[in-house]
Amino acid sequence: MMDDQASALGAHRRTDRASRFIRTTPKRVYQALTEPSQFARWIAPEGARATIDRFEPEPDGALQITLTFDQRSGSAKTTANTDVVKGRFLTLDQGRCVKQAFEFESADPAFAGTMTMTWRLALALGGTTVEVTAEDVPSGISAADHHAGMASSLANLAALFEQGDAV
C-alpha cells in the first residue's frame, strides 16, 4: 500500500530543466553559486529580489531565501508577495556541481514537499554551460512559470559576467 501512495504522490511531481552558456569560467560560476552576496544578485527572477536569510555553503549547511515580488501576482507561496524557501546544501563539488534541497513555507499543500535543485557546470569553448535541474517540483508551480523563472535567473547569472558587471 505504501508503494501505491508513493507512486500517486510521485505522479504529481515533475522535473524541470534549463541551461545557458555563460562567458566565464566554471570557477567563477561556482563562486556565484556559493557566495551569499553574489547569489543574492542573480537568483531572483525578473520582478523579484532576493534576501539571503541564511547561507552555509557546506554539506548539510542551511539555506534560507526570501523572494519579494514587485507586484502582488497572487502566485507567491508564503504571503501575497513573498516566497520563503528553507533548505540545505546537499553537494558541493568545486567548479562542477551544487545541489540544494528546498521546501517552501506555505499553507497551500500544492507547494508541499522537498524540491531538489542541481546546478551542473561544464567547461565549454569560451565559457561554461550551466544546467539547472529541479526535481520533485511541487504541483502548485506551473511548468511555464518555473521555466520562465529558471531562464530569468540564468540570464541574471550570465549578466554578472557578460555585461561588464564582473563579480
Protein backbone atom coordinates (compact mmCIF):
# COMPACT_ATOMS: atom_id res chain seq x y z
CA MET A 1 0.00 0.00 0.00
CA MET A 2 2.85 2.38 0.80
CA ASP A 3 4.30 1.97 -2.71
CA ASP A 4 0.94 2.94 -4.22
CA GLN A 5 0.85 6.08 -2.10
CA ALA A 6 4.40 6.98 -3.04
CA SER A 7 3.60 6.36 -6.71
CA ALA A 8 0.50 8.52 -6.50
CA LEU A 9 2.43 11.34 -4.88
CA GLY A 10 5.22 10.99 -7.43
CA ALA A 11 2.74 11.29 -10.26
CA HIS A 12 2.07 14.89 -9.26
CA ARG A 13 5.73 15.84 -9.11
CA ARG A 14 7.88 16.63 -12.10
CA THR A 15 11.39 17.53 -13.20
CA ASP A 16 12.14 20.86 -14.92
CA ARG A 17 15.41 21.76 -16.65
CA ALA A 18 17.05 24.87 -18.05
CA SER A 19 20.53 25.61 -19.33
CA ARG A 20 22.60 28.50 -20.56
CA PHE A 21 26.08 29.13 -21.91
CA ILE A 22 27.89 31.82 -19.89
CA ARG A 23 31.11 33.51 -20.97
CA THR A 24 33.15 32.91 -17.83
CA THR A 25 34.95 30.06 -16.09
CA PRO A 26 33.28 27.28 -14.09
CA LYS A 27 35.24 28.54 -11.07
CA ARG A 28 33.57 31.96 -11.25
CA VAL A 29 30.10 30.47 -11.76
CA TYR A 30 30.69 28.16 -8.79
CA GLN A 31 31.61 31.21 -6.68
CA ALA A 32 28.35 32.89 -7.72
CA LEU A 33 26.51 29.77 -6.53
CA THR A 34 28.30 29.58 -3.17
CA GLU A 35 28.99 33.18 -2.08
CA PRO A 36 25.86 34.69 -0.48
CA SER A 37 26.40 38.26 -1.72
CA GLN A 38 26.84 37.02 -5.29
CA PHE A 39 23.98 34.51 -5.06
CA ALA A 40 21.56 37.24 -3.94
CA ARG A 41 22.42 39.33 -7.01
CA TRP A 42 21.19 36.83 -9.58
CA ILE A 43 18.92 34.13 -8.11
CA ALA A 44 15.67 36.14 -8.07
CA PRO A 45 13.77 36.03 -11.35
CA GLU A 46 12.64 39.19 -13.12
CA GLY A 47 10.19 41.14 -10.99
CA ALA A 48 11.61 39.92 -7.68
CA ARG A 49 14.53 40.49 -5.34
CA ALA A 50 16.25 38.02 -3.05
CA THR A 51 17.18 38.38 0.59
CA ILE A 52 19.56 35.75 1.91
CA ASP A 53 18.44 34.95 5.45
CA ARG A 54 20.83 32.04 5.98
CA PHE A 55 23.57 30.68 3.74
CA GLU A 56 26.02 27.98 4.83
CA PRO A 57 27.62 26.53 1.67
CA GLU A 58 28.90 23.25 3.08
CA PRO A 59 27.44 19.74 3.01
CA ASP A 60 24.20 19.80 5.04
CA GLY A 61 24.63 23.57 5.52
CA ALA A 62 21.43 25.59 5.95
CA LEU A 63 19.95 27.87 3.33
CA GLN A 64 17.02 30.26 3.63
CA ILE A 65 15.98 32.74 0.96
CA THR A 66 13.12 35.22 0.83
CA LEU A 67 11.98 36.30 -2.62
CA THR A 68 9.96 39.51 -2.61
CA PHE A 69 7.94 40.21 -5.73
CA ASP A 70 7.49 43.77 -7.02
CA GLN A 71 3.76 43.31 -7.58
CA ARG A 72 1.19 41.13 -5.91
CA SER A 73 0.91 38.47 -8.55
CA GLY A 74 -1.20 36.11 -6.50
CA SER A 75 1.28 33.34 -7.25
CA ALA A 76 3.57 33.91 -4.25
CA LYS A 77 3.65 30.97 -1.88
CA THR A 78 4.26 32.37 1.62
CA THR A 79 2.46 35.74 1.63
CA ALA A 80 0.76 37.81 -1.09
CA ASN A 81 4.15 38.96 -2.42
CA THR A 82 6.83 36.69 -0.90
CA ASP A 83 8.21 33.19 -1.22
CA VAL A 84 10.28 31.89 1.67
CA VAL A 85 12.30 28.77 0.96
CA LYS A 86 14.27 26.85 3.54
CA GLY A 87 16.70 24.14 2.71
CA ARG A 88 20.19 22.82 2.80
CA PHE A 89 23.18 22.21 0.61
CA LEU A 90 23.48 18.54 -0.33
CA THR A 91 26.50 18.51 -2.64
CA LEU A 92 29.28 21.00 -3.33
CA ASP A 93 31.76 19.83 -5.96
CA GLN A 94 34.01 22.82 -6.61
CA GLY A 95 33.71 24.11 -10.15
CA ARG A 96 31.36 21.29 -11.15
CA CYS A 97 28.13 20.99 -9.18
CA VAL A 98 25.99 22.46 -6.41
CA LYS A 99 22.94 20.54 -5.22
CA GLN A 100 20.37 22.02 -2.85
CA ALA A 101 17.11 20.77 -1.32
CA PHE A 102 14.31 23.27 -0.64
CA GLU A 103 10.89 23.41 0.97
CA PHE A 104 8.53 26.34 0.52
CA GLU A 105 6.90 27.92 3.56
CA SER A 106 3.27 27.75 2.52
CA ALA A 107 -0.09 26.76 3.95
CA ASP A 108 -1.10 25.52 0.49
CA PRO A 109 -0.48 21.76 0.14
CA ALA A 110 0.20 22.27 -3.59
CA PHE A 111 3.58 23.71 -2.55
CA ALA A 112 4.45 20.99 -0.01
CA GLY A 113 7.41 18.67 -0.24
CA THR A 114 11.10 18.94 -0.93
CA MET A 115 12.33 20.17 -4.30
CA THR A 116 15.93 19.43 -5.25
CA MET A 117 17.88 21.87 -7.43
CA THR A 118 21.09 20.66 -9.07
CA TRP A 119 23.37 23.18 -10.78
CA ARG A 120 25.86 21.45 -13.09
CA LEU A 121 28.78 23.36 -14.60
CA ALA A 122 30.65 22.17 -17.67
CA LEU A 123 33.66 23.81 -19.25
CA ALA A 124 32.86 24.77 -22.84
CA LEU A 125 34.81 26.63 -25.51
CA GLY A 126 34.85 30.26 -24.36
CA GLY A 127 32.92 29.73 -21.15
CA THR A 128 30.71 27.46 -19.09
CA THR A 129 27.49 25.62 -19.77
CA VAL A 130 25.25 25.86 -16.71
CA GLU A 131 22.44 23.33 -16.42
CA VAL A 132 19.89 23.50 -13.64
CA THR A 133 17.64 20.54 -12.90
CA ALA A 134 14.71 20.90 -10.49
CA GLU A 135 13.38 17.56 -9.26
CA ASP A 136 10.13 16.93 -7.41
CA VAL A 137 8.73 20.34 -8.36
CA PRO A 138 5.56 20.97 -6.33
CA SER A 139 2.37 20.78 -8.37
CA GLY A 140 1.45 24.34 -7.36
CA ILE A 141 4.29 25.70 -9.51
CA SER A 142 3.25 25.73 -13.15
CA ALA A 143 5.78 24.38 -15.63
CA ALA A 144 5.56 27.58 -17.69
CA ASP A 145 6.19 29.84 -14.67
CA HIS A 146 9.03 27.64 -13.43
CA HIS A 147 10.76 27.51 -16.81
CA ALA A 148 10.43 31.29 -17.14
CA GLY A 149 11.81 31.79 -13.62
CA MET A 150 14.78 29.48 -14.16
CA ALA A 151 15.57 31.12 -17.51
CA SER A 152 15.38 34.55 -15.87
CA SER A 153 17.73 33.51 -13.05
CA LEU A 154 20.20 32.07 -15.56
CA ALA A 155 20.03 35.31 -17.57
CA ASN A 156 20.78 37.26 -14.37
CA LEU A 157 23.71 34.95 -13.67
CA ALA A 158 25.07 35.47 -17.19
CA ALA A 159 24.68 39.25 -16.81
CA LEU A 160 27.08 39.21 -13.86
CA PHE A 161 29.85 38.14 -16.20
CA GLU A 162 28.79 39.24 -19.66
CA GLN A 163 27.75 42.87 -19.17
CA GLY A 164 30.89 44.23 -17.58
CA ASP A 165 29.45 43.60 -14.12
CA ALA A 166 32.06 41.06 -13.11
CA VAL A 167 31.91 39.83 -9.55
